[in-house]
Amino acid sequence: MSPAIIVPLIAFGGVIVTQIFGLVINRMNANDLRSNIDRDIDIIRRLDPDAAVTRRLAAHVRNNIYTVISRDKRRSRVMPGLRKSFIGFAITAAVLVLDSWRDHHPPGDVKDKIDIVFWPLFVLMFIVAASVLLDTWRITRPSAVDAFKRVFRK
């Protein structure tokens, strides 16, 4: 196999492995925080309700609950974008492989058949990329506007 085919395949494999590890690590961290909340609630039930330590632990549990909620909200907004990104990487890898094959075949029957698949995928690659960029803008726009207001507040 030529390097023009091997390099995109390795990059594509790296993206898949990175996404899988990231999802597994995030899932493990989320489960740990949820189990910590359950454990802390059990401790609060056993403590004196009027003690300062109980109030501080309850505040800590509240903060952890808000953290879990914000992670879940963020995950629900980000996961569709990750799926689109994965699809975009797959389409880009296919376009690169097909382009490499197109370069190695003279004009004729085989190249025409490759072009039938190549050009629609090429257009679809840009459509998916535009969709991912639009989703990213939609997700980050409110926080970017808020940050701008905080910096330039009168």
N, C-alpha and C. Protein backbone atom coordinates (compact mmCIF):
# COMPACT_ATOMS: atom_id res chain seq x y z
N MET A 1 0.84 -1.18 0.00
CA MET A 1 0.00 0.00 0.00
C MET A 1 0.89 1.24 0.00
N SER A 2 0.39 2.25 -0.64
CA SER A 2 1.16 3.48 -0.72
C SER A 2 0.94 4.32 0.54
N PRO A 3 1.90 5.21 0.84
CA PRO A 3 1.73 6.08 2.01
C PRO A 3 0.50 6.97 1.91
N ALA A 4 0.06 7.29 0.70
CA ALA A 4 -1.13 8.13 0.53
C ALA A 4 -2.38 7.44 1.07
N ILE A 5 -2.35 6.13 1.13
CA ILE A 5 -3.49 5.38 1.68
C ILE A 5 -3.28 5.08 3.15
N ILE A 6 -2.07 4.74 3.51
CA ILE A 6 -1.77 4.32 4.89
C ILE A 6 -1.94 5.47 5.87
N VAL A 7 -1.45 6.65 5.52
CA VAL A 7 -1.50 7.80 6.44
C VAL A 7 -2.94 8.17 6.81
N PRO A 8 -3.86 8.31 5.84
CA PRO A 8 -5.24 8.61 6.25
C PRO A 8 -5.88 7.50 7.08
N LEU A 9 -5.55 6.25 6.77
CA LEU A 9 -6.11 5.15 7.55
C LEU A 9 -5.62 5.18 8.99
N ILE A 10 -4.35 5.48 9.18
CA ILE A 10 -3.80 5.59 10.54
C ILE A 10 -4.44 6.77 11.28
N ALA A 11 -4.58 7.89 10.59
CA ALA A 11 -5.22 9.06 11.21
C ALA A 11 -6.67 8.75 11.58
N PHE A 12 -7.36 8.08 10.70
CA PHE A 12 -8.75 7.70 10.97
C PHE A 12 -8.83 6.76 12.17
N GLY A 13 -7.95 5.79 12.24
CA GLY A 13 -7.91 4.88 13.39
C GLY A 13 -7.59 5.61 14.68
N GLY A 14 -6.69 6.58 14.61
CA GLY A 14 -6.35 7.37 15.79
C GLY A 14 -7.53 8.17 16.29
N VAL A 15 -8.31 8.72 15.39
CA VAL A 15 -9.50 9.49 15.78
C VAL A 15 -10.50 8.57 16.48
N ILE A 16 -10.70 7.40 15.93
CA ILE A 16 -11.66 6.46 16.53
C ILE A 16 -11.21 6.06 17.93
N VAL A 17 -9.94 5.71 18.07
CA VAL A 17 -9.43 5.28 19.38
C VAL A 17 -9.52 6.43 20.39
N THR A 18 -9.19 7.64 19.98
CA THR A 18 -9.26 8.80 20.87
C THR A 18 -10.69 9.05 21.33
N GLN A 19 -11.64 8.97 20.42
CA GLN A 19 -13.04 9.19 20.79
C GLN A 19 -13.53 8.13 21.76
N ILE A 20 -13.17 6.88 21.51
CA ILE A 20 -13.61 5.80 22.39
C ILE A 20 -13.02 5.97 23.79
N PHE A 21 -11.71 6.25 23.88
CA PHE A 21 -11.10 6.46 25.19
C PHE A 21 -11.70 7.65 25.91
N GLY A 22 -11.96 8.72 25.20
CA GLY A 22 -12.56 9.90 25.81
C GLY A 22 -13.94 9.61 26.37
N LEU A 23 -14.74 8.88 25.62
CA LEU A 23 -16.08 8.54 26.10
C LEU A 23 -16.03 7.62 27.31
N VAL A 24 -15.12 6.66 27.30
CA VAL A 24 -14.99 5.74 28.44
C VAL A 24 -14.53 6.49 29.68
N ILE A 25 -13.55 7.36 29.55
CA ILE A 25 -13.04 8.12 30.70
C ILE A 25 -14.12 9.05 31.25
N ASN A 26 -14.84 9.73 30.37
CA ASN A 26 -15.92 10.61 30.84
C ASN A 26 -17.01 9.82 31.55
N ARG A 27 -17.33 8.65 31.04
CA ARG A 27 -18.35 7.82 31.67
C ARG A 27 -17.89 7.36 33.07
N MET A 28 -16.62 7.01 33.19
CA MET A 28 -16.09 6.59 34.49
C MET A 28 -16.11 7.74 35.48
N ASN A 29 -15.71 8.93 35.06
CA ASN A 29 -15.71 10.09 35.96
C ASN A 29 -17.12 10.45 36.39
N ALA A 30 -18.08 10.40 35.47
CA ALA A 30 -19.45 10.74 35.81
C ALA A 30 -20.01 9.75 36.83
N ASN A 31 -19.71 8.47 36.65
CA ASN A 31 -20.20 7.47 37.60
C ASN A 31 -19.56 7.66 38.96
N ASP A 32 -18.29 8.02 39.01
CA ASP A 32 -17.64 8.24 40.30
C ASP A 32 -18.28 9.40 41.04
N LEU A 33 -18.58 10.49 40.35
CA LEU A 33 -19.19 11.65 41.00
C LEU A 33 -20.59 11.31 41.51
N ARG A 34 -21.33 10.55 40.73
CA ARG A 34 -22.67 10.16 41.18
C ARG A 34 -22.60 9.25 42.41
N SER A 35 -21.66 8.33 42.43
CA SER A 35 -21.54 7.46 43.61
C SER A 35 -21.05 8.25 44.82
N ASN A 36 -20.19 9.25 44.59
CA ASN A 36 -19.76 10.12 45.70
C ASN A 36 -20.93 10.90 46.27
N ILE A 37 -21.82 11.37 45.42
CA ILE A 37 -23.00 12.10 45.89
C ILE A 37 -23.86 11.18 46.76
N ASP A 38 -24.08 9.95 46.28
CA ASP A 38 -24.89 9.00 47.07
C ASP A 38 -24.24 8.73 48.43
N ARG A 39 -22.94 8.54 48.42
CA ARG A 39 -22.23 8.27 49.67
C ARG A 39 -22.30 9.47 50.62
N ASP A 40 -22.15 10.68 50.07
CA ASP A 40 -22.21 11.89 50.91
C ASP A 40 -23.61 12.11 51.48
N ILE A 41 -24.63 11.79 50.70
CA ILE A 41 -26.01 11.92 51.21
C ILE A 41 -26.23 10.95 52.38
N ASP A 42 -25.70 9.74 52.27
CA ASP A 42 -25.82 8.79 53.38
C ASP A 42 -25.11 9.31 54.63
N ILE A 43 -23.96 9.95 54.44
CA ILE A 43 -23.23 10.51 55.58
C ILE A 43 -24.02 11.66 56.19
N ILE A 44 -24.62 12.51 55.35
CA ILE A 44 -25.41 13.65 55.86
C ILE A 44 -26.58 13.15 56.71
N ARG A 45 -27.21 12.07 56.29
CA ARG A 45 -28.35 11.53 57.04
C ARG A 45 -27.94 11.07 58.43
N ARG A 46 -26.68 10.64 58.57
CA ARG A 46 -26.22 10.14 59.87
C ARG A 46 -25.70 11.26 60.78
N LEU A 47 -25.42 12.42 60.21
CA LEU A 47 -24.86 13.52 61.00
C LEU A 47 -25.97 14.36 61.65
N ASP A 48 -25.53 15.19 62.58
CA ASP A 48 -26.44 16.13 63.25
C ASP A 48 -26.85 17.21 62.23
N PRO A 49 -28.15 17.40 62.00
CA PRO A 49 -28.59 18.37 60.99
C PRO A 49 -28.20 19.81 61.30
N ASP A 50 -27.96 20.13 62.58
CA ASP A 50 -27.64 21.51 62.94
C ASP A 50 -26.14 21.80 62.93
N ALA A 51 -25.31 20.79 62.69
CA ALA A 51 -23.86 20.98 62.74
C ALA A 51 -23.37 21.73 61.50
N ALA A 52 -22.30 22.50 61.69
CA ALA A 52 -21.71 23.26 60.58
C ALA A 52 -21.13 22.33 59.53
N VAL A 53 -20.58 21.20 60.00
CA VAL A 53 -20.00 20.23 59.06
C VAL A 53 -21.08 19.68 58.13
N THR A 54 -22.25 19.44 58.67
CA THR A 54 -23.36 18.92 57.86
C THR A 54 -23.76 19.94 56.80
N ARG A 55 -23.83 21.21 57.18
CA ARG A 55 -24.19 22.24 56.21
C ARG A 55 -23.13 22.36 55.11
N ARG A 56 -21.85 22.27 55.50
CA ARG A 56 -20.79 22.35 54.48
C ARG A 56 -20.83 21.14 53.55
N LEU A 57 -21.06 19.95 54.11
CA LEU A 57 -21.15 18.75 53.28
C LEU A 57 -22.37 18.83 52.36
N ALA A 58 -23.48 19.36 52.87
CA ALA A 58 -24.68 19.52 52.04
C ALA A 58 -24.41 20.50 50.90
N ALA A 59 -23.68 21.57 51.17
CA ALA A 59 -23.32 22.52 50.11
C ALA A 59 -22.42 21.85 49.07
N HIS A 60 -21.52 21.01 49.55
CA HIS A 60 -20.63 20.27 48.64
C HIS A 60 -21.45 19.33 47.75
N VAL A 61 -22.42 18.64 48.34
CA VAL A 61 -23.28 17.74 47.57
C VAL A 61 -24.08 18.53 46.54
N ARG A 62 -24.61 19.71 46.95
CA ARG A 62 -25.34 20.56 46.02
C ARG A 62 -24.46 20.96 44.83
N ASN A 63 -23.22 21.34 45.11
CA ASN A 63 -22.31 21.72 44.03
C ASN A 63 -22.04 20.53 43.10
N ASN A 64 -21.88 19.34 43.68
CA ASN A 64 -21.66 18.15 42.85
C ASN A 64 -22.88 17.83 42.00
N ILE A 65 -24.06 18.04 42.54
CA ILE A 65 -25.28 17.80 41.77
C ILE A 65 -25.35 18.79 40.61
N TYR A 66 -25.03 20.06 40.86
CA TYR A 66 -25.00 21.05 39.77
C TYR A 66 -23.96 20.67 38.71
N THR A 67 -22.83 20.14 39.16
CA THR A 67 -21.80 19.70 38.22
C THR A 67 -22.30 18.57 37.35
N VAL A 68 -22.97 17.60 37.94
CA VAL A 68 -23.52 16.47 37.17
C VAL A 68 -24.56 16.98 36.17
N ILE A 69 -25.42 17.89 36.61
CA ILE A 69 -26.44 18.42 35.71
C ILE A 69 -25.81 19.17 34.54
N SER A 70 -24.80 20.00 34.83
CA SER A 70 -24.16 20.75 33.74
C SER A 70 -23.42 19.82 32.79
N ARG A 71 -22.80 18.76 33.31
CA ARG A 71 -22.14 17.78 32.43
C ARG A 71 -23.15 17.09 31.53
N ASP A 72 -24.29 16.73 32.11
CA ASP A 72 -25.32 16.06 31.30
C ASP A 72 -25.85 16.99 30.22
N LYS A 73 -26.07 18.27 30.56
CA LYS A 73 -26.53 19.23 29.56
C LYS A 73 -25.50 19.41 28.45
N ARG A 74 -24.24 19.55 28.88
CA ARG A 74 -23.16 19.73 27.90
C ARG A 74 -23.04 18.50 27.01
N ARG A 75 -23.15 17.33 27.60
CA ARG A 75 -23.03 16.09 26.83
C ARG A 75 -24.17 15.99 25.82
N SER A 76 -25.37 16.39 26.23
CA SER A 76 -26.50 16.31 25.30
C SER A 76 -26.35 17.30 24.14
N ARG A 77 -25.63 18.39 24.37
CA ARG A 77 -25.38 19.35 23.28
C ARG A 77 -24.19 18.93 22.43
N VAL A 78 -23.21 18.28 23.03
CA VAL A 78 -21.96 17.98 22.33
C VAL A 78 -22.01 16.65 21.57
N MET A 79 -22.72 15.66 22.09
CA MET A 79 -22.71 14.34 21.47
C MET A 79 -23.15 14.35 20.00
N PRO A 80 -24.21 15.07 19.62
CA PRO A 80 -24.55 15.09 18.19
C PRO A 80 -23.40 15.66 17.35
N GLY A 81 -22.71 16.67 17.88
CA GLY A 81 -21.56 17.23 17.17
C GLY A 81 -20.43 16.23 17.03
N LEU A 82 -20.21 15.42 18.07
CA LEU A 82 -19.18 14.39 17.99
C LEU A 82 -19.55 13.34 16.94
N ARG A 83 -20.83 12.98 16.90
CA ARG A 83 -21.26 12.02 15.88
C ARG A 83 -21.04 12.59 14.48
N LYS A 84 -21.40 13.86 14.30
CA LYS A 84 -21.18 14.48 12.99
C LYS A 84 -19.70 14.56 12.66
N SER A 85 -18.87 14.85 13.67
CA SER A 85 -17.43 14.91 13.44
C SER A 85 -16.90 13.55 13.03
N PHE A 86 -17.38 12.51 13.69
CA PHE A 86 -16.95 11.15 13.34
C PHE A 86 -17.35 10.83 11.90
N ILE A 87 -18.58 11.17 11.54
CA ILE A 87 -19.03 10.94 10.17
C ILE A 87 -18.18 11.75 9.19
N GLY A 88 -17.87 12.99 9.56
CA GLY A 88 -17.02 13.82 8.71
C GLY A 88 -15.63 13.24 8.53
N PHE A 89 -15.05 12.70 9.61
CA PHE A 89 -13.73 12.07 9.48
C PHE A 89 -13.80 10.84 8.58
N ALA A 90 -14.86 10.06 8.71
CA ALA A 90 -15.00 8.87 7.88
C ALA A 90 -15.14 9.25 6.40
N ILE A 91 -15.95 10.28 6.13
CA ILE A 91 -16.12 10.72 4.75
C ILE A 91 -14.82 11.29 4.20
N THR A 92 -14.10 12.06 5.02
CA THR A 92 -12.82 12.62 4.58
C THR A 92 -11.82 11.52 4.27
N ALA A 93 -11.77 10.49 5.12
CA ALA A 93 -10.86 9.36 4.86
C ALA A 93 -11.23 8.67 3.55
N ALA A 94 -12.53 8.48 3.32
CA ALA A 94 -12.97 7.85 2.07
C ALA A 94 -12.61 8.72 0.87
N VAL A 95 -12.77 10.03 1.00
CA VAL A 95 -12.42 10.94 -0.10
C VAL A 95 -10.92 10.88 -0.38
N LEU A 96 -10.11 10.84 0.68
CA LEU A 96 -8.66 10.76 0.47
C LEU A 96 -8.25 9.46 -0.20
N VAL A 97 -8.84 8.36 0.21
CA VAL A 97 -8.53 7.07 -0.41
C VAL A 97 -8.97 7.06 -1.87
N LEU A 98 -10.19 7.53 -2.13
CA LEU A 98 -10.68 7.56 -3.51
C LEU A 98 -9.84 8.50 -4.38
N ASP A 99 -9.42 9.63 -3.80
CA ASP A 99 -8.58 10.55 -4.56
C ASP A 99 -7.24 9.91 -4.90
N SER A 100 -6.69 9.14 -3.97
CA SER A 100 -5.44 8.43 -4.25
C SER A 100 -5.64 7.42 -5.37
N TRP A 101 -6.75 6.70 -5.35
CA TRP A 101 -7.04 5.74 -6.42
C TRP A 101 -7.25 6.44 -7.75
N ARG A 102 -7.90 7.60 -7.72
CA ARG A 102 -8.13 8.36 -8.96
C ARG A 102 -6.81 8.77 -9.59
N ASP A 103 -5.84 9.14 -8.74
CA ASP A 103 -4.55 9.57 -9.26
C ASP A 103 -3.79 8.44 -9.93
N HIS A 104 -4.04 7.20 -9.52
CA HIS A 104 -3.26 6.06 -10.03
C HIS A 104 -3.92 5.38 -11.23
N HIS A 105 -5.12 5.81 -11.59
CA HIS A 105 -5.80 5.20 -12.72
C HIS A 105 -5.90 6.20 -13.86
N PRO A 106 -5.62 5.74 -15.09
CA PRO A 106 -5.77 6.64 -16.23
C PRO A 106 -7.25 6.88 -16.50
N PRO A 107 -7.54 7.96 -17.21
CA PRO A 107 -8.95 8.22 -17.54
C PRO A 107 -9.55 7.02 -18.26
N GLY A 108 -10.75 6.72 -17.90
CA GLY A 108 -11.40 5.57 -18.53
C GLY A 108 -12.48 5.02 -17.63
N ASP A 109 -12.78 3.77 -17.82
CA ASP A 109 -13.90 3.12 -17.16
C ASP A 109 -13.76 3.11 -15.64
N VAL A 110 -12.58 2.72 -15.12
CA VAL A 110 -12.39 2.62 -13.67
C VAL A 110 -12.44 4.00 -13.02
N LYS A 111 -11.78 4.97 -13.64
CA LYS A 111 -11.77 6.32 -13.08
C LYS A 111 -13.18 6.93 -13.09
N ASP A 112 -13.96 6.62 -14.13
CA ASP A 112 -15.33 7.13 -14.19
C ASP A 112 -16.18 6.55 -13.06
N LYS A 113 -15.99 5.29 -12.75
CA LYS A 113 -16.73 4.65 -11.65
C LYS A 113 -16.31 5.23 -10.30
N ILE A 114 -15.01 5.50 -10.15
CA ILE A 114 -14.53 6.12 -8.91
C ILE A 114 -15.10 7.53 -8.78
N ASP A 115 -15.16 8.26 -9.88
CA ASP A 115 -15.71 9.62 -9.85
C ASP A 115 -17.17 9.65 -9.45
N ILE A 116 -17.92 8.61 -9.80
CA ILE A 116 -19.33 8.55 -9.43
C ILE A 116 -19.49 8.57 -7.92
N VAL A 117 -18.56 7.97 -7.21
CA VAL A 117 -18.61 7.94 -5.74
C VAL A 117 -17.85 9.14 -5.16
N PHE A 118 -16.73 9.51 -5.79
CA PHE A 118 -15.84 10.54 -5.24
C PHE A 118 -16.53 11.90 -5.13
N TRP A 119 -17.13 12.39 -6.18
CA TRP A 119 -17.66 13.76 -6.17
C TRP A 119 -18.83 13.96 -5.22
N PRO A 120 -19.78 13.04 -5.13
CA PRO A 120 -20.81 13.23 -4.11
C PRO A 120 -20.24 13.20 -2.68
N LEU A 121 -19.28 12.31 -2.43
CA LEU A 121 -18.65 12.29 -1.11
C LEU A 121 -17.88 13.57 -0.84
N PHE A 122 -17.25 14.11 -1.87
CA PHE A 122 -16.48 15.35 -1.73
C PHE A 122 -17.41 16.50 -1.32
N VAL A 123 -18.56 16.59 -1.97
CA VAL A 123 -19.54 17.62 -1.63
C VAL A 123 -20.11 17.37 -0.23
N LEU A 124 -20.43 16.11 0.08
CA LEU A 124 -20.96 15.76 1.39
C LEU A 124 -19.97 16.09 2.50
N MET A 125 -18.68 15.93 2.22
CA MET A 125 -17.64 16.26 3.20
C MET A 125 -17.75 17.73 3.62
N PHE A 126 -17.94 18.61 2.67
CA PHE A 126 -18.05 20.04 2.98
C PHE A 126 -19.38 20.37 3.67
N ILE A 127 -20.43 19.67 3.31
CA ILE A 127 -21.72 19.89 3.97
C ILE A 127 -21.63 19.49 5.44
N VAL A 128 -21.02 18.34 5.73
CA VAL A 128 -20.87 17.90 7.12
C VAL A 128 -19.97 18.86 7.89
N ALA A 129 -18.88 19.31 7.26
CA ALA A 129 -17.98 20.27 7.92
C ALA A 129 -18.72 21.57 8.24
N ALA A 130 -19.53 22.05 7.33
CA ALA A 130 -20.30 23.27 7.59
C ALA A 130 -21.30 23.04 8.71
N SER A 131 -21.90 21.88 8.75
CA SER A 131 -22.87 21.56 9.80
C SER A 131 -22.19 21.52 11.17
N VAL A 132 -21.00 20.93 11.23
CA VAL A 132 -20.26 20.87 12.50
C VAL A 132 -19.87 22.27 12.95
N LEU A 133 -19.42 23.10 12.03
CA LEU A 133 -19.06 24.47 12.38
C LEU A 133 -20.28 25.25 12.86
N LEU A 134 -21.42 25.07 12.22
CA LEU A 134 -22.64 25.74 12.64
C LEU A 134 -23.06 25.28 14.04
N ASP A 135 -23.00 23.98 14.30
CA ASP A 135 -23.33 23.47 15.64
C ASP A 135 -22.39 24.03 16.70
N THR A 136 -21.12 24.09 16.37
CA THR A 136 -20.13 24.65 17.31
C THR A 136 -20.44 26.10 17.61
N TRP A 137 -20.79 26.85 16.59
CA TRP A 137 -21.14 28.26 16.79
C TRP A 137 -22.38 28.38 17.66
N ARG A 138 -23.38 27.54 17.43
CA ARG A 138 -24.61 27.59 18.22
C ARG A 138 -24.34 27.28 19.69
N ILE A 139 -23.45 26.32 19.94
CA ILE A 139 -23.15 25.93 21.33
C ILE A 139 -22.34 27.01 22.03
N THR A 140 -21.35 27.56 21.37
CA THR A 140 -20.44 28.50 22.03
C THR A 140 -20.93 29.94 21.99
N ARG A 141 -21.88 30.25 21.13
CA ARG A 141 -22.33 31.64 20.99
C ARG A 141 -22.84 32.24 22.30
N PRO A 142 -23.73 31.60 23.04
CA PRO A 142 -24.21 32.24 24.28
C PRO A 142 -23.08 32.50 25.28
N SER A 143 -22.17 31.54 25.44
CA SER A 143 -21.10 31.76 26.40
C SER A 143 -20.13 32.83 25.90
N ALA A 144 -19.93 32.91 24.59
CA ALA A 144 -19.04 33.94 24.05
C ALA A 144 -19.65 35.32 24.25
N VAL A 145 -20.96 35.44 24.05
CA VAL A 145 -21.64 36.72 24.26
C VAL A 145 -21.57 37.11 25.74
N ASP A 146 -21.80 36.15 26.63
CA ASP A 146 -21.72 36.43 28.07
C ASP A 146 -20.32 36.86 28.47
N ALA A 147 -19.30 36.21 27.93
CA ALA A 147 -17.93 36.58 28.25
C ALA A 147 -17.63 37.99 27.74
N PHE A 148 -18.11 38.31 26.56
CA PHE A 148 -17.92 39.64 26.00
C PHE A 148 -18.57 40.69 26.89
N LYS A 149 -19.78 40.40 27.36
CA LYS A 149 -20.49 41.36 28.23
C LYS A 149 -19.75 41.54 29.55
N ARG A 150 -19.20 40.45 30.09
CA ARG A 150 -18.47 40.56 31.37
C ARG A 150 -17.22 41.41 31.20
N VAL A 151 -16.53 41.24 30.10
CA VAL A 151 -15.28 41.98 29.88
C VAL A 151 -15.56 43.45 29.65
N PHE A 152 -16.58 43.75 28.88
CA PHE A 152 -16.85 45.13 28.50
C PHE A 152 -18.03 45.73 29.25
N ARG A 153 -18.30 45.22 30.44
CA ARG A 153 -19.39 45.74 31.26
C ARG A 153 -19.05 47.16 31.70
N LYS A 154 -20.05 48.02 31.71
CA LYS A 154 -19.82 49.42 32.09
C LYS A 154 -19.75 49.57 33.57
